[in-house]
């Protein structure tokens, strides 16, 4: 009987040890996030430039360049600055967005509305006060998947792009690419410590 009790106790101890070894701490998850961001940048042959160089280049990035924004940890590439005007201090407006989202911890997970019908853009209500931008999703796939809160990382490009509409053939909508760490992401990103890559176009709603 003692042998049976000992065997059961030893088995439970092994299960507990194994469980402890499988447990990922927040630090472990952050390290995994950093590794996957670095791998994505390396595999994509992206060039990371500092903010000083970004500003020296007229707040622009080259075809393979991303600027690392030190205050947020977001990586930003401005593919097209866009037509129209910058969002003005005190302005409130609705943006229409098309995007593709890739989870850099698991590239099989993500959402996109890039291939939907013309009326299926995500709608974002944006307000600017000084240098502060606030925003919320009011409808669309991001809204139905993650809720009304706009990832802070999505706001990072707004000071540098023009928000307009295509009124003539030569007009181009603003387009950016982002690598967003979990601290600047949506609810799923922050809960699971997931970094995401985004390809987004912005236009002004009429």
C-alpha atoms as a PDB file:
ATOM      1  CA  UNK A   1       0.000   0.000   0.000  1.00  0.00           C
ATOM      2  CA  UNK A   2       2.841   2.373   0.868  1.00  0.00           C
ATOM      3  CA  UNK A   3       4.408   1.672  -2.511  1.00  0.00           C
ATOM      4  CA  UNK A   4       1.173   2.577  -4.293  1.00  0.00           C
ATOM      5  CA  UNK A   5       0.853   5.837  -2.338  1.00  0.00           C
ATOM      6  CA  UNK A   6       4.486   6.676  -3.073  1.00  0.00           C
ATOM      7  CA  UNK A   7       4.025   5.948  -6.791  1.00  0.00           C
ATOM      8  CA  UNK A   8       0.926   8.151  -6.969  1.00  0.00           C
ATOM      9  CA  UNK A   9       2.680  10.963  -5.101  1.00  0.00           C
ATOM     10  CA  UNK A  10       5.715  10.741  -7.389  1.00  0.00           C
ATOM     11  CA  UNK A  11       3.475  10.808 -10.475  1.00  0.00           C
ATOM     12  CA  UNK A  12       1.646  13.910  -9.252  1.00  0.00           C
ATOM     13  CA  UNK A  13       4.978  15.572  -8.555  1.00  0.00           C
ATOM     14  CA  UNK A  14       6.186  14.864 -12.100  1.00  0.00           C
ATOM     15  CA  UNK A  15       2.948  16.283 -13.563  1.00  0.00           C
ATOM     16  CA  UNK A  16       3.338  19.460 -11.496  1.00  0.00           C
ATOM     17  CA  UNK A  17       6.964  19.874 -12.584  1.00  0.00           C
ATOM     18  CA  UNK A  18       6.057  19.319 -16.221  1.00  0.00           C
ATOM     19  CA  UNK A  19       3.248  21.873 -15.943  1.00  0.00           C
ATOM     20  CA  UNK A  20       5.602  24.421 -14.435  1.00  0.00           C
ATOM     21  CA  UNK A  21       8.091  23.863 -17.252  1.00  0.00           C
ATOM     22  CA  UNK A  22       5.341  24.439 -19.862  1.00  0.00           C
ATOM     23  CA  UNK A  23       4.141  27.680 -18.267  1.00  0.00           C
ATOM     24  CA  UNK A  24       5.116  30.806 -20.199  1.00  0.00           C
ATOM     25  CA  UNK A  25       5.776  33.898 -18.136  1.00  0.00           C
ATOM     26  CA  UNK A  26       5.015  37.391 -19.448  1.00  0.00           C
ATOM     27  CA  UNK A  27       8.765  37.827 -19.890  1.00  0.00           C
ATOM     28  CA  UNK A  28       8.892  34.640 -21.998  1.00  0.00           C
ATOM     29  CA  UNK A  29       6.058  35.918 -24.197  1.00  0.00           C
ATOM     30  CA  UNK A  30       7.739  39.302 -24.669  1.00  0.00           C
ATOM     31  CA  UNK A  31      10.978  37.590 -25.666  1.00  0.00           C
ATOM     32  CA  UNK A  32       9.066  35.447 -28.182  1.00  0.00           C
ATOM     33  CA  UNK A  33       7.432  38.607 -29.536  1.00  0.00           C
ATOM     34  CA  UNK A  34      10.808  40.327 -29.985  1.00  0.00           C
ATOM     35  CA  UNK A  35      12.237  37.258 -31.727  1.00  0.00           C
ATOM     36  CA  UNK A  36       9.311  36.973 -34.138  1.00  0.00           C
ATOM     37  CA  UNK A  37       9.406  40.683 -34.996  1.00  0.00           C
ATOM     38  CA  UNK A  38      13.149  40.434 -35.681  1.00  0.00           C
ATOM     39  CA  UNK A  39      12.647  37.296 -37.789  1.00  0.00           C
ATOM     40  CA  UNK A  40       9.883  38.942 -39.818  1.00  0.00           C
ATOM     41  CA  UNK A  41      12.051  41.998 -40.465  1.00  0.00           C
ATOM     42  CA  UNK A  42      15.016  39.824 -41.452  1.00  0.00           C
ATOM     43  CA  UNK A  43      13.006  37.451 -43.661  1.00  0.00           C
ATOM     44  CA  UNK A  44      11.387  40.429 -45.418  1.00  0.00           C
ATOM     45  CA  UNK A  45      14.762  42.223 -45.900  1.00  0.00           C
ATOM     46  CA  UNK A  46      13.350  45.372 -44.314  1.00  0.00           C
ATOM     47  CA  UNK A  47      15.740  48.188 -43.388  1.00  0.00           C
ATOM     48  CA  UNK A  48      15.091  49.863 -40.030  1.00  0.00           C
ATOM     49  CA  UNK A  49      15.928  53.557 -39.824  1.00  0.00           C
ATOM     50  CA  UNK A  50      15.928  55.876 -36.767  1.00  0.00           C
ATOM     51  CA  UNK A  51      13.452  58.735 -36.366  1.00  0.00           C
ATOM     52  CA  UNK A  52      16.193  61.311 -37.005  1.00  0.00           C
ATOM     53  CA  UNK A  53      16.795  59.896 -40.479  1.00  0.00           C
ATOM     54  CA  UNK A  54      13.039  59.636 -41.081  1.00  0.00           C
ATOM     55  CA  UNK A  55      12.615  63.353 -40.373  1.00  0.00           C
ATOM     56  CA  UNK A  56      15.698  64.250 -42.425  1.00  0.00           C
ATOM     57  CA  UNK A  57      14.057  62.424 -45.348  1.00  0.00           C
ATOM     58  CA  UNK A  58      10.978  64.630 -45.068  1.00  0.00           C
ATOM     59  CA  UNK A  59       9.036  62.187 -42.876  1.00  0.00           C
ATOM     60  CA  UNK A  60       9.264  59.542 -45.569  1.00  0.00           C
ATOM     61  CA  UNK A  61      10.549  55.982 -45.932  1.00  0.00           C
ATOM     62  CA  UNK A  62      12.083  54.133 -48.863  1.00  0.00           C
ATOM     63  CA  UNK A  63      10.621  51.001 -50.505  1.00  0.00           C
ATOM     64  CA  UNK A  64      12.182  48.662 -47.929  1.00  0.00           C
ATOM     65  CA  UNK A  65      12.537  51.119 -45.043  1.00  0.00           C
ATOM     66  CA  UNK A  66      10.617  51.191 -41.774  1.00  0.00           C
ATOM     67  CA  UNK A  67      11.142  53.889 -39.177  1.00  0.00           C
ATOM     68  CA  UNK A  68      11.272  52.660 -35.579  1.00  0.00           C
ATOM     69  CA  UNK A  69       9.189  54.997 -33.404  1.00  0.00           C
ATOM     70  CA  UNK A  70      10.945  54.864 -30.041  1.00  0.00           C
ATOM     71  CA  UNK A  71       8.075  56.153 -27.884  1.00  0.00           C
ATOM     72  CA  UNK A  72       5.673  53.424 -28.994  1.00  0.00           C
ATOM     73  CA  UNK A  73       7.857  50.629 -30.356  1.00  0.00           C
ATOM     74  CA  UNK A  74       5.860  50.706 -33.608  1.00  0.00           C
ATOM     75  CA  UNK A  75       7.624  50.239 -36.952  1.00  0.00           C
ATOM     76  CA  UNK A  76       6.146  52.450 -39.704  1.00  0.00           C
ATOM     77  CA  UNK A  77       6.511  52.471 -43.466  1.00  0.00           C
ATOM     78  CA  UNK A  78       4.766  55.180 -45.486  1.00  0.00           C
ATOM     79  CA  UNK A  79       4.044  53.579 -48.843  1.00  0.00           C
ATOM     80  CA  UNK A  80       1.998  56.550 -50.128  1.00  0.00           C
ATOM     81  CA  UNK A  81       1.555  59.867 -48.337  1.00  0.00           C
ATOM     82  CA  UNK A  82      -1.863  60.270 -49.952  1.00  0.00           C
ATOM     83  CA  UNK A  83      -3.971  62.993 -51.498  1.00  0.00           C
ATOM     84  CA  UNK A  84      -6.056  65.581 -49.689  1.00  0.00           C
ATOM     85  CA  UNK A  85      -5.019  67.262 -46.448  1.00  0.00           C
ATOM     86  CA  UNK A  86      -3.454  66.383 -43.119  1.00  0.00           C
ATOM     87  CA  UNK A  87      -5.886  66.052 -40.215  1.00  0.00           C
ATOM     88  CA  UNK A  88      -6.081  69.509 -38.672  1.00  0.00           C
ATOM     89  CA  UNK A  89      -5.954  70.426 -34.982  1.00  0.00           C
ATOM     90  CA  UNK A  90      -9.516  70.339 -33.634  1.00  0.00           C
ATOM     91  CA  UNK A  91     -10.816  68.340 -36.605  1.00  0.00           C
ATOM     92  CA  UNK A  92     -13.177  65.378 -36.286  1.00  0.00           C
ATOM     93  CA  UNK A  93     -13.803  63.050 -39.207  1.00  0.00           C
ATOM     94  CA  UNK A  94     -14.604  59.522 -40.335  1.00  0.00           C
ATOM     95  CA  UNK A  95     -11.930  57.441 -42.058  1.00  0.00           C
ATOM     96  CA  UNK A  96     -12.611  54.478 -44.307  1.00  0.00           C
ATOM     97  CA  UNK A  97      -9.931  51.795 -44.178  1.00  0.00           C
ATOM     98  CA  UNK A  98      -8.964  48.645 -45.979  1.00  0.00           C
ATOM     99  CA  UNK A  99      -6.349  46.488 -44.325  1.00  0.00           C
ATOM    100  CA  UNK A 100      -4.595  43.146 -44.082  1.00  0.00           C
ATOM    101  CA  UNK A 101      -3.532  41.828 -40.665  1.00  0.00           C
ATOM    102  CA  UNK A 102      -0.926  39.136 -39.923  1.00  0.00           C
ATOM    103  CA  UNK A 103      -0.182  37.716 -36.479  1.00  0.00           C
ATOM    104  CA  UNK A 104       3.628  37.483 -36.354  1.00  0.00           C
ATOM    105  CA  UNK A 105       3.527  34.772 -33.679  1.00  0.00           C
ATOM    106  CA  UNK A 106       1.262  32.628 -35.854  1.00  0.00           C
ATOM    107  CA  UNK A 107       1.035  33.766 -39.480  1.00  0.00           C
ATOM    108  CA  UNK A 108      -2.069  31.627 -40.067  1.00  0.00           C
ATOM    109  CA  UNK A 109      -4.056  33.995 -37.831  1.00  0.00           C
ATOM    110  CA  UNK A 110      -5.277  37.436 -38.844  1.00  0.00           C
ATOM    111  CA  UNK A 111      -8.111  39.315 -40.515  1.00  0.00           C
ATOM    112  CA  UNK A 112      -8.526  41.327 -43.710  1.00  0.00           C
ATOM    113  CA  UNK A 113     -11.156  43.342 -45.534  1.00  0.00           C
ATOM    114  CA  UNK A 114      -8.892  44.065 -48.501  1.00  0.00           C
ATOM    115  CA  UNK A 115     -10.817  41.819 -50.883  1.00  0.00           C
ATOM    116  CA  UNK A 116     -14.363  42.681 -49.845  1.00  0.00           C
ATOM    117  CA  UNK A 117     -16.891  44.790 -51.710  1.00  0.00           C
ATOM    118  CA  UNK A 118     -16.435  48.549 -51.975  1.00  0.00           C
ATOM    119  CA  UNK A 119     -18.944  49.233 -49.188  1.00  0.00           C
ATOM    120  CA  UNK A 120     -17.215  46.916 -46.712  1.00  0.00           C
ATOM    121  CA  UNK A 121     -14.459  49.242 -45.484  1.00  0.00           C
ATOM    122  CA  UNK A 122     -13.856  49.621 -41.778  1.00  0.00           C
ATOM    123  CA  UNK A 123     -15.051  52.988 -40.482  1.00  0.00           C
ATOM    124  CA  UNK A 124     -13.057  54.900 -37.859  1.00  0.00           C
ATOM    125  CA  UNK A 125     -14.140  58.067 -36.074  1.00  0.00           C
ATOM    126  CA  UNK A 126     -11.021  60.203 -35.447  1.00  0.00           C
ATOM    127  CA  UNK A 127     -10.519  63.354 -33.422  1.00  0.00           C
ATOM    128  CA  UNK A 128      -7.341  65.447 -33.165  1.00  0.00           C
ATOM    129  CA  UNK A 129      -6.514  67.772 -30.281  1.00  0.00           C
ATOM    130  CA  UNK A 130      -3.034  69.245 -30.593  1.00  0.00           C
ATOM    131  CA  UNK A 131      -0.674  66.336 -31.172  1.00  0.00           C
ATOM    132  CA  UNK A 132      -3.108  63.819 -29.666  1.00  0.00           C
ATOM    133  CA  UNK A 133      -5.273  61.608 -31.870  1.00  0.00           C
ATOM    134  CA  UNK A 134      -8.151  59.562 -30.467  1.00  0.00           C
ATOM    135  CA  UNK A 135     -10.211  57.102 -32.461  1.00  0.00           C
ATOM    136  CA  UNK A 136     -12.815  54.356 -32.316  1.00  0.00           C
ATOM    137  CA  UNK A 137     -14.149  51.841 -34.809  1.00  0.00           C
ATOM    138  CA  UNK A 138     -17.823  52.389 -35.546  1.00  0.00           C
ATOM    139  CA  UNK A 139     -18.358  49.503 -37.972  1.00  0.00           C
ATOM    140  CA  UNK A 140     -16.473  46.927 -40.002  1.00  0.00           C
ATOM    141  CA  UNK A 141     -14.461  43.744 -39.514  1.00  0.00           C
ATOM    142  CA  UNK A 142     -12.075  45.140 -36.888  1.00  0.00           C
ATOM    143  CA  UNK A 143     -15.076  46.431 -34.929  1.00  0.00           C
ATOM    144  CA  UNK A 144     -16.891  43.077 -35.048  1.00  0.00           C
ATOM    145  CA  UNK A 145     -13.712  41.088 -34.267  1.00  0.00           C
ATOM    146  CA  UNK A 146     -11.965  43.182 -31.610  1.00  0.00           C
ATOM    147  CA  UNK A 147     -14.426  45.883 -30.516  1.00  0.00           C
ATOM    148  CA  UNK A 148     -14.556  49.661 -30.840  1.00  0.00           C
ATOM    149  CA  UNK A 149     -11.074  50.467 -29.518  1.00  0.00           C
ATOM    150  CA  UNK A 150      -8.618  51.307 -32.309  1.00  0.00           C
ATOM    151  CA  UNK A 151      -5.112  49.901 -31.740  1.00  0.00           C
ATOM    152  CA  UNK A 152      -2.851  52.757 -30.686  1.00  0.00           C
ATOM    153  CA  UNK A 153      -0.387  51.605 -33.330  1.00  0.00           C
ATOM    154  CA  UNK A 154      -2.908  52.451 -36.051  1.00  0.00           C
ATOM    155  CA  UNK A 155      -2.762  56.109 -34.996  1.00  0.00           C
ATOM    156  CA  UNK A 156       1.024  56.374 -35.390  1.00  0.00           C
ATOM    157  CA  UNK A 157       0.928  57.253 -39.138  1.00  0.00           C
ATOM    158  CA  UNK A 158      -1.745  59.969 -38.883  1.00  0.00           C
ATOM    159  CA  UNK A 159       0.610  62.957 -38.355  1.00  0.00           C
ATOM    160  CA  UNK A 160       2.511  62.001 -41.535  1.00  0.00           C
ATOM    161  CA  UNK A 161      -0.203  61.193 -44.097  1.00  0.00           C
ATOM    162  CA  UNK A 162      -2.852  63.149 -45.995  1.00  0.00           C
ATOM    163  CA  UNK A 163      -6.439  61.960 -45.768  1.00  0.00           C
ATOM    164  CA  UNK A 164      -8.458  62.544 -48.923  1.00  0.00           C
ATOM    165  CA  UNK A 165     -10.440  60.811 -51.650  1.00  0.00           C
ATOM    166  CA  UNK A 166      -9.679  59.874 -55.230  1.00  0.00           C
ATOM    167  CA  UNK A 167     -11.255  62.739 -57.128  1.00  0.00           C
ATOM    168  CA  UNK A 168      -9.166  62.201 -60.272  1.00  0.00           C
ATOM    169  CA  UNK A 169      -7.160  59.366 -61.807  1.00  0.00           C
ATOM    170  CA  UNK A 170      -3.808  60.598 -60.468  1.00  0.00           C
ATOM    171  CA  UNK A 171      -5.001  60.813 -56.843  1.00  0.00           C
ATOM    172  CA  UNK A 172      -3.623  58.112 -54.532  1.00  0.00           C
ATOM    173  CA  UNK A 173      -4.998  57.108 -51.166  1.00  0.00           C
ATOM    174  CA  UNK A 174      -2.653  57.115 -48.189  1.00  0.00           C
ATOM    175  CA  UNK A 175      -1.140  53.700 -47.592  1.00  0.00           C
ATOM    176  CA  UNK A 176       1.051  52.541 -44.712  1.00  0.00           C
ATOM    177  CA  UNK A 177       2.550  49.368 -43.329  1.00  0.00           C
ATOM    178  CA  UNK A 178       2.953  48.808 -39.611  1.00  0.00           C
ATOM    179  CA  UNK A 179       4.594  46.345 -37.254  1.00  0.00           C
ATOM    180  CA  UNK A 180       2.665  46.768 -34.019  1.00  0.00           C
ATOM    181  CA  UNK A 181       3.858  45.284 -30.699  1.00  0.00           C
ATOM    182  CA  UNK A 182       1.262  43.974 -28.269  1.00  0.00           C
ATOM    183  CA  UNK A 183       1.413  47.108 -26.113  1.00  0.00           C
ATOM    184  CA  UNK A 184       0.072  49.153 -29.042  1.00  0.00           C
ATOM    185  CA  UNK A 185      -2.373  46.561 -30.344  1.00  0.00           C
ATOM    186  CA  UNK A 186      -5.992  45.503 -29.935  1.00  0.00           C
ATOM    187  CA  UNK A 187      -7.476  43.415 -27.117  1.00  0.00           C
ATOM    188  CA  UNK A 188      -6.263  40.067 -28.473  1.00  0.00           C
ATOM    189  CA  UNK A 189      -2.749  41.413 -28.997  1.00  0.00           C
ATOM    190  CA  UNK A 190      -2.479  42.765 -25.447  1.00  0.00           C
ATOM    191  CA  UNK A 191      -4.053  39.675 -23.852  1.00  0.00           C
ATOM    192  CA  UNK A 192      -1.830  37.119 -25.595  1.00  0.00           C
ATOM    193  CA  UNK A 193       1.292  39.262 -26.253  1.00  0.00           C
ATOM    194  CA  UNK A 194       0.925  39.018 -30.030  1.00  0.00           C
ATOM    195  CA  UNK A 195       2.700  41.362 -32.471  1.00  0.00           C
ATOM    196  CA  UNK A 196       0.875  42.140 -35.726  1.00  0.00           C
ATOM    197  CA  UNK A 197       1.817  43.347 -39.187  1.00  0.00           C
ATOM    198  CA  UNK A 198      -0.641  45.603 -41.025  1.00  0.00           C
ATOM    199  CA  UNK A 199      -1.021  46.919 -44.563  1.00  0.00           C
ATOM    200  CA  UNK A 200      -3.611  49.750 -44.430  1.00  0.00           C
ATOM    201  CA  UNK A 201      -5.108  52.322 -46.785  1.00  0.00           C
ATOM    202  CA  UNK A 202      -6.950  55.367 -45.409  1.00  0.00           C
ATOM    203  CA  UNK A 203      -9.468  57.646 -47.087  1.00  0.00           C
ATOM    204  CA  UNK A 204     -11.820  60.363 -45.940  1.00  0.00           C
ATOM    205  CA  UNK A 205     -15.513  59.584 -45.835  1.00  0.00           C
ATOM    206  CA  UNK A 206     -17.631  62.005 -47.868  1.00  0.00           C
END
